Amino acid sequence: MDGAAVGMKGIVEQLTTGITSAGLFGTVSEIFPFIIIMIGFAFGYKVLRKVVKGASKGKANV
C-alpha cells in the first residue's frame, strides 16, 4: 500500500487533503449558471401553471 493509511483514518486523510476551498468554489462556480437557470425556469413554470389554471376557470390570476 505504499505507506498509505487504511481504514477510516485513510479516508479522512484523503478527504481533508483532496478538498480545498479553491477546488470547492471552482466546482460551485461552474454549476452556478445552471442553478440560476433552473430557479428561473421553476418560477416561470409555476406562474404559467397558475395562469393556465385560472384561464380554464375563466379567471385572470397572476
PDB file of N, CA and C in Angstrom:
ATOM      1  N   MET A   1       0.808  -1.194   0.000  1.00  0.00           N
ATOM      2  CA  MET A   1       0.000   0.000   0.000  1.00  0.00           C
ATOM      3  C   MET A   1       0.846   1.250   0.000  1.00  0.00           C
ATOM      4  N   ASP A   2       2.103   1.202  -0.250  1.00  0.00           N
ATOM      5  CA  ASP A   2       2.983   2.352  -0.401  1.00  0.00           C
ATOM      6  C   ASP A   2       2.847   3.379   0.721  1.00  0.00           C
ATOM      7  N   GLY A   3       2.687   2.952   1.945  1.00  0.00           N
ATOM      8  CA  GLY A   3       2.627   3.873   3.076  1.00  0.00           C
ATOM      9  C   GLY A   3       1.310   4.602   3.221  1.00  0.00           C
ATOM     10  N   ALA A   4       0.321   4.251   2.442  1.00  0.00           N
ATOM     11  CA  ALA A   4      -0.984   4.921   2.536  1.00  0.00           C
ATOM     12  C   ALA A   4      -1.738   4.386   3.743  1.00  0.00           C
ATOM     13  N   ALA A   5      -2.422   5.285   4.432  1.00  0.00           N
ATOM     14  CA  ALA A   5      -3.213   4.874   5.595  1.00  0.00           C
ATOM     15  C   ALA A   5      -4.437   4.116   5.108  1.00  0.00           C
ATOM     16  N   VAL A   6      -4.851   3.155   5.907  1.00  0.00           N
ATOM     17  CA  VAL A   6      -6.003   2.340   5.538  1.00  0.00           C
ATOM     18  C   VAL A   6      -7.133   2.599   6.525  1.00  0.00           C
ATOM     19  N   GLY A   7      -8.311   2.162   6.145  1.00  0.00           N
ATOM     20  CA  GLY A   7      -9.465   2.282   7.026  1.00  0.00           C
ATOM     21  C   GLY A   7     -10.021   3.702   7.041  1.00  0.00           C
ATOM     22  N   MET A   8     -10.731   3.990   8.116  1.00  0.00           N
ATOM     23  CA  MET A   8     -11.383   5.284   8.243  1.00  0.00           C
ATOM     24  C   MET A   8     -10.357   6.419   8.294  1.00  0.00           C
ATOM     25  N   LYS A   9      -9.218   6.184   8.924  1.00  0.00           N
ATOM     26  CA  LYS A   9      -8.184   7.206   9.005  1.00  0.00           C
ATOM     27  C   LYS A   9      -7.693   7.585   7.604  1.00  0.00           C
ATOM     28  N   GLY A  10      -7.539   6.616   6.748  1.00  0.00           N
ATOM     29  CA  GLY A  10      -7.111   6.886   5.377  1.00  0.00           C
ATOM     30  C   GLY A  10      -8.143   7.665   4.590  1.00  0.00           C
ATOM     31  N   ILE A  11      -9.416   7.327   4.801  1.00  0.00           N
ATOM     32  CA  ILE A  11     -10.493   8.033   4.103  1.00  0.00           C
ATOM     33  C   ILE A  11     -10.533   9.489   4.532  1.00  0.00           C
ATOM     34  N   VAL A  12     -10.451   9.719   5.849  1.00  0.00           N
ATOM     35  CA  VAL A  12     -10.481  11.088   6.368  1.00  0.00           C
ATOM     36  C   VAL A  12      -9.271  11.871   5.868  1.00  0.00           C
ATOM     37  N   GLU A  13      -8.128  11.248   5.851  1.00  0.00           N
ATOM     38  CA  GLU A  13      -6.911  11.911   5.376  1.00  0.00           C
ATOM     39  C   GLU A  13      -7.031  12.306   3.911  1.00  0.00           C
ATOM     40  N   GLN A  14      -7.570  11.424   3.086  1.00  0.00           N
ATOM     41  CA  GLN A  14      -7.738  11.729   1.674  1.00  0.00           C
ATOM     42  C   GLN A  14      -8.754  12.839   1.450  1.00  0.00           C
ATOM     43  N   LEU A  15      -9.822  12.850   2.242  1.00  0.00           N
ATOM     44  CA  LEU A  15     -10.824  13.904   2.102  1.00  0.00           C
ATOM     45  C   LEU A  15     -10.264  15.266   2.504  1.00  0.00           C
ATOM     46  N   THR A  16      -9.532  15.316   3.608  1.00  0.00           N
ATOM     47  CA  THR A  16      -9.016  16.604   4.072  1.00  0.00           C
ATOM     48  C   THR A  16      -7.924  17.138   3.161  1.00  0.00           C
ATOM     49  N   THR A  17      -7.155  16.276   2.526  1.00  0.00           N
ATOM     50  CA  THR A  17      -6.119  16.770   1.621  1.00  0.00           C
ATOM     51  C   THR A  17      -6.653  16.978   0.213  1.00  0.00           C
ATOM     52  N   GLY A  18      -7.708  16.298  -0.170  1.00  0.00           N
ATOM     53  CA  GLY A  18      -8.227  16.388  -1.533  1.00  0.00           C
ATOM     54  C   GLY A  18      -9.203  17.522  -1.753  1.00  0.00           C
ATOM     55  N   ILE A  19      -9.903  17.953  -0.711  1.00  0.00           N
ATOM     56  CA  ILE A  19     -10.892  19.018  -0.859  1.00  0.00           C
ATOM     57  C   ILE A  19     -10.279  20.317  -0.351  1.00  0.00           C
ATOM     58  N   THR A  20     -10.143  21.269  -1.253  1.00  0.00           N
ATOM     59  CA  THR A  20      -9.641  22.582  -0.880  1.00  0.00           C
ATOM     60  C   THR A  20     -10.713  23.619  -1.185  1.00  0.00           C
ATOM     61  N   SER A  21     -10.577  24.785  -0.592  1.00  0.00           N
ATOM     62  CA  SER A  21     -11.576  25.836  -0.846  1.00  0.00           C
ATOM     63  C   SER A  21     -11.540  26.265  -2.308  1.00  0.00           C
ATOM     64  N   ALA A  22     -10.375  26.290  -2.910  1.00  0.00           N
ATOM     65  CA  ALA A  22     -10.273  26.663  -4.318  1.00  0.00           C
ATOM     66  C   ALA A  22     -10.980  25.639  -5.206  1.00  0.00           C
ATOM     67  N   GLY A  23     -10.789  24.372  -4.907  1.00  0.00           N
ATOM     68  CA  GLY A  23     -11.451  23.329  -5.688  1.00  0.00           C
ATOM     69  C   GLY A  23     -12.951  23.340  -5.497  1.00  0.00           C
ATOM     70  N   LEU A  24     -13.389  23.558  -4.272  1.00  0.00           N
ATOM     71  CA  LEU A  24     -14.820  23.586  -3.983  1.00  0.00           C
ATOM     72  C   LEU A  24     -15.496  24.763  -4.670  1.00  0.00           C
ATOM     73  N   PHE A  25     -14.925  25.957  -4.542  1.00  0.00           N
ATOM     74  CA  PHE A  25     -15.520  27.131  -5.168  1.00  0.00           C
ATOM     75  C   PHE A  25     -15.396  27.075  -6.685  1.00  0.00           C
ATOM     76  N   GLY A  26     -14.388  26.406  -7.180  1.00  0.00           N
ATOM     77  CA  GLY A  26     -14.274  26.217  -8.630  1.00  0.00           C
ATOM     78  C   GLY A  26     -15.414  25.380  -9.171  1.00  0.00           C
ATOM     79  N   THR A  27     -15.745  24.321  -8.464  1.00  0.00           N
ATOM     80  CA  THR A  27     -16.863  23.468  -8.872  1.00  0.00           C
ATOM     81  C   THR A  27     -18.189  24.199  -8.752  1.00  0.00           C
ATOM     82  N   VAL A  28     -18.381  24.933  -7.653  1.00  0.00           N
ATOM     83  CA  VAL A  28     -19.628  25.678  -7.459  1.00  0.00           C
ATOM     84  C   VAL A  28     -19.783  26.743  -8.532  1.00  0.00           C
ATOM     85  N   SER A  29     -18.697  27.423  -8.876  1.00  0.00           N
ATOM     86  CA  SER A  29     -18.780  28.475  -9.894  1.00  0.00           C
ATOM     87  C   SER A  29     -19.109  27.897 -11.270  1.00  0.00           C
ATOM     88  N   GLU A  30     -18.747  26.654 -11.516  1.00  0.00           N
ATOM     89  CA  GLU A  30     -19.079  26.019 -12.790  1.00  0.00           C
ATOM     90  C   GLU A  30     -20.558  25.680 -12.890  1.00  0.00           C
ATOM     91  N   ILE A  31     -21.190  25.274 -11.786  1.00  0.00           N
ATOM     92  CA  ILE A  31     -22.593  24.868 -11.845  1.00  0.00           C
ATOM     93  C   ILE A  31     -23.549  25.993 -11.481  1.00  0.00           C
ATOM     94  N   PHE A  32     -23.030  27.149 -11.039  1.00  0.00           N
ATOM     95  CA  PHE A  32     -23.888  28.254 -10.620  1.00  0.00           C
ATOM     96  C   PHE A  32     -24.807  28.761 -11.738  1.00  0.00           C
ATOM     97  N   PRO A  33     -24.342  28.930 -12.991  1.00  0.00           N
ATOM     98  CA  PRO A  33     -25.265  29.359 -14.052  1.00  0.00           C
ATOM     99  C   PRO A  33     -26.419  28.377 -14.252  1.00  0.00           C
ATOM    100  N   PHE A  34     -26.137  27.099 -14.155  1.00  0.00           N
ATOM    101  CA  PHE A  34     -27.194  26.087 -14.295  1.00  0.00           C
ATOM    102  C   PHE A  34     -28.228  26.217 -13.179  1.00  0.00           C
ATOM    103  N   ILE A  35     -27.762  26.474 -11.950  1.00  0.00           N
ATOM    104  CA  ILE A  35     -28.674  26.626 -10.816  1.00  0.00           C
ATOM    105  C   ILE A  35     -29.573  27.844 -11.017  1.00  0.00           C
ATOM    106  N   ILE A  36     -29.012  28.952 -11.481  1.00  0.00           N
ATOM    107  CA  ILE A  36     -29.808  30.160 -11.711  1.00  0.00           C
ATOM    108  C   ILE A  36     -30.855  29.917 -12.798  1.00  0.00           C
ATOM    109  N   ILE A  37     -30.474  29.235 -13.866  1.00  0.00           N
ATOM    110  CA  ILE A  37     -31.425  28.936 -14.939  1.00  0.00           C
ATOM    111  C   ILE A  37     -32.539  28.039 -14.420  1.00  0.00           C
ATOM    112  N   MET A  38     -32.206  27.046 -13.606  1.00  0.00           N
ATOM    113  CA  MET A  38     -33.231  26.146 -13.078  1.00  0.00           C
ATOM    114  C   MET A  38     -34.197  26.870 -12.143  1.00  0.00           C
ATOM    115  N   ILE A  39     -33.697  27.796 -11.322  1.00  0.00           N
ATOM    116  CA  ILE A  39     -34.575  28.567 -10.440  1.00  0.00           C
ATOM    117  C   ILE A  39     -35.509  29.436 -11.268  1.00  0.00           C
ATOM    118  N   GLY A  40     -34.976  30.085 -12.290  1.00  0.00           N
ATOM    119  CA  GLY A  40     -35.809  30.901 -13.179  1.00  0.00           C
ATOM    120  C   GLY A  40     -36.850  30.073 -13.902  1.00  0.00           C
ATOM    121  N   PHE A  41     -36.463  28.908 -14.387  1.00  0.00           N
ATOM    122  CA  PHE A  41     -37.408  28.024 -15.073  1.00  0.00           C
ATOM    123  C   PHE A  41     -38.513  27.561 -14.124  1.00  0.00           C
ATOM    124  N   ALA A  42     -38.143  27.192 -12.904  1.00  0.00           N
ATOM    125  CA  ALA A  42     -39.133  26.718 -11.939  1.00  0.00           C
ATOM    126  C   ALA A  42     -40.135  27.821 -11.593  1.00  0.00           C
ATOM    127  N   PHE A  43     -39.635  29.050 -11.412  1.00  0.00           N
ATOM    128  CA  PHE A  43     -40.526  30.166 -11.105  1.00  0.00           C
ATOM    129  C   PHE A  43     -41.465  30.443 -12.282  1.00  0.00           C
ATOM    130  N   GLY A  44     -40.911  30.465 -13.493  1.00  0.00           N
ATOM    131  CA  GLY A  44     -41.740  30.691 -14.681  1.00  0.00           C
ATOM    132  C   GLY A  44     -42.769  29.597 -14.880  1.00  0.00           C
ATOM    133  N   TYR A  45     -42.379  28.368 -14.631  1.00  0.00           N
ATOM    134  CA  TYR A  45     -43.300  27.240 -14.767  1.00  0.00           C
ATOM    135  C   TYR A  45     -44.446  27.345 -13.759  1.00  0.00           C
ATOM    136  N   LYS A  46     -44.123  27.768 -12.527  1.00  0.00           N
ATOM    137  CA  LYS A  46     -45.151  27.919 -11.502  1.00  0.00           C
ATOM    138  C   LYS A  46     -46.140  29.004 -11.894  1.00  0.00           C
ATOM    139  N   VAL A  47     -45.642  30.128 -12.373  1.00  0.00           N
ATOM    140  CA  VAL A  47     -46.528  31.223 -12.794  1.00  0.00           C
ATOM    141  C   VAL A  47     -47.375  30.786 -13.979  1.00  0.00           C
ATOM    142  N   LEU A  48     -46.774  30.102 -14.939  1.00  0.00           N
ATOM    143  CA  LEU A  48     -47.508  29.635 -16.115  1.00  0.00           C
ATOM    144  C   LEU A  48     -48.617  28.665 -15.729  1.00  0.00           C
ATOM    145  N   ARG A  49     -48.327  27.745 -14.817  1.00  0.00           N
ATOM    146  CA  ARG A  49     -49.366  26.811 -14.369  1.00  0.00           C
ATOM    147  C   ARG A  49     -50.518  27.540 -13.706  1.00  0.00           C
ATOM    148  N   LYS A  50     -50.202  28.566 -12.911  1.00  0.00           N
ATOM    149  CA  LYS A  50     -51.238  29.335 -12.230  1.00  0.00           C
ATOM    150  C   LYS A  50     -52.103  30.080 -13.244  1.00  0.00           C
ATOM    151  N   VAL A  51     -51.490  30.652 -14.268  1.00  0.00           N
ATOM    152  CA  VAL A  51     -52.234  31.381 -15.294  1.00  0.00           C
ATOM    153  C   VAL A  51     -53.120  30.433 -16.083  1.00  0.00           C
ATOM    154  N   VAL A  52     -52.601  29.281 -16.462  1.00  0.00           N
ATOM    155  CA  VAL A  52     -53.381  28.310 -17.240  1.00  0.00           C
ATOM    156  C   VAL A  52     -54.532  27.772 -16.400  1.00  0.00           C
ATOM    157  N   LYS A  53     -54.280  27.511 -15.132  1.00  0.00           N
ATOM    158  CA  LYS A  53     -55.339  27.009 -14.254  1.00  0.00           C
ATOM    159  C   LYS A  53     -56.448  28.052 -14.120  1.00  0.00           C
ATOM    160  N   GLY A  54     -56.077  29.317 -13.970  1.00  0.00           N
ATOM    161  CA  GLY A  54     -57.077  30.385 -13.854  1.00  0.00           C
ATOM    162  C   GLY A  54     -57.819  30.583 -15.160  1.00  0.00           C
ATOM    163  N   ALA A  55     -57.150  30.453 -16.281  1.00  0.00           N
ATOM    164  CA  ALA A  55     -57.788  30.654 -17.582  1.00  0.00           C
ATOM    165  C   ALA A  55     -58.832  29.582 -17.860  1.00  0.00           C
ATOM    166  N   SER A  56     -58.587  28.377 -17.397  1.00  0.00           N
ATOM    167  CA  SER A  56     -59.563  27.311 -17.627  1.00  0.00           C
ATOM    168  C   SER A  56     -60.840  27.540 -16.826  1.00  0.00           C
ATOM    169  N   LYS A  57     -60.750  28.307 -15.740  1.00  0.00           N
ATOM    170  CA  LYS A  57     -61.918  28.632 -14.934  1.00  0.00           C
ATOM    171  C   LYS A  57     -62.504  29.993 -15.288  1.00  0.00           C
ATOM    172  N   GLY A  58     -61.931  30.666 -16.283  1.00  0.00           N
ATOM    173  CA  GLY A  58     -62.407  31.977 -16.674  1.00  0.00           C
ATOM    174  C   GLY A  58     -61.930  33.091 -15.765  1.00  0.00           C
ATOM    175  N   LYS A  59     -60.861  32.868 -15.059  1.00  0.00           N
ATOM    176  CA  LYS A  59     -60.310  33.880 -14.162  1.00  0.00           C
ATOM    177  C   LYS A  59     -58.933  34.302 -14.665  1.00  0.00           C
ATOM    178  N   ALA A  60     -58.566  35.533 -14.350  1.00  0.00           N
ATOM    179  CA  ALA A  60     -57.251  36.031 -14.735  1.00  0.00           C
ATOM    180  C   ALA A  60     -56.442  36.272 -13.470  1.00  0.00           C
ATOM    181  N   ASN A  61     -55.748  35.274 -13.006  1.00  0.00           N
ATOM    182  CA  ASN A  61     -54.915  35.384 -11.805  1.00  0.00           C
ATOM    183  C   ASN A  61     -53.454  35.328 -12.183  1.00  0.00           C
ATOM    184  N   VAL A  62     -52.658  36.180 -11.558  1.00  0.00           N
ATOM    185  CA  VAL A  62     -51.217  36.113 -11.749  1.00  0.00           C
ATOM    186  C   VAL A  62     -50.542  36.241 -10.417  1.00  0.00           C
TER     187      VAL A  62
END
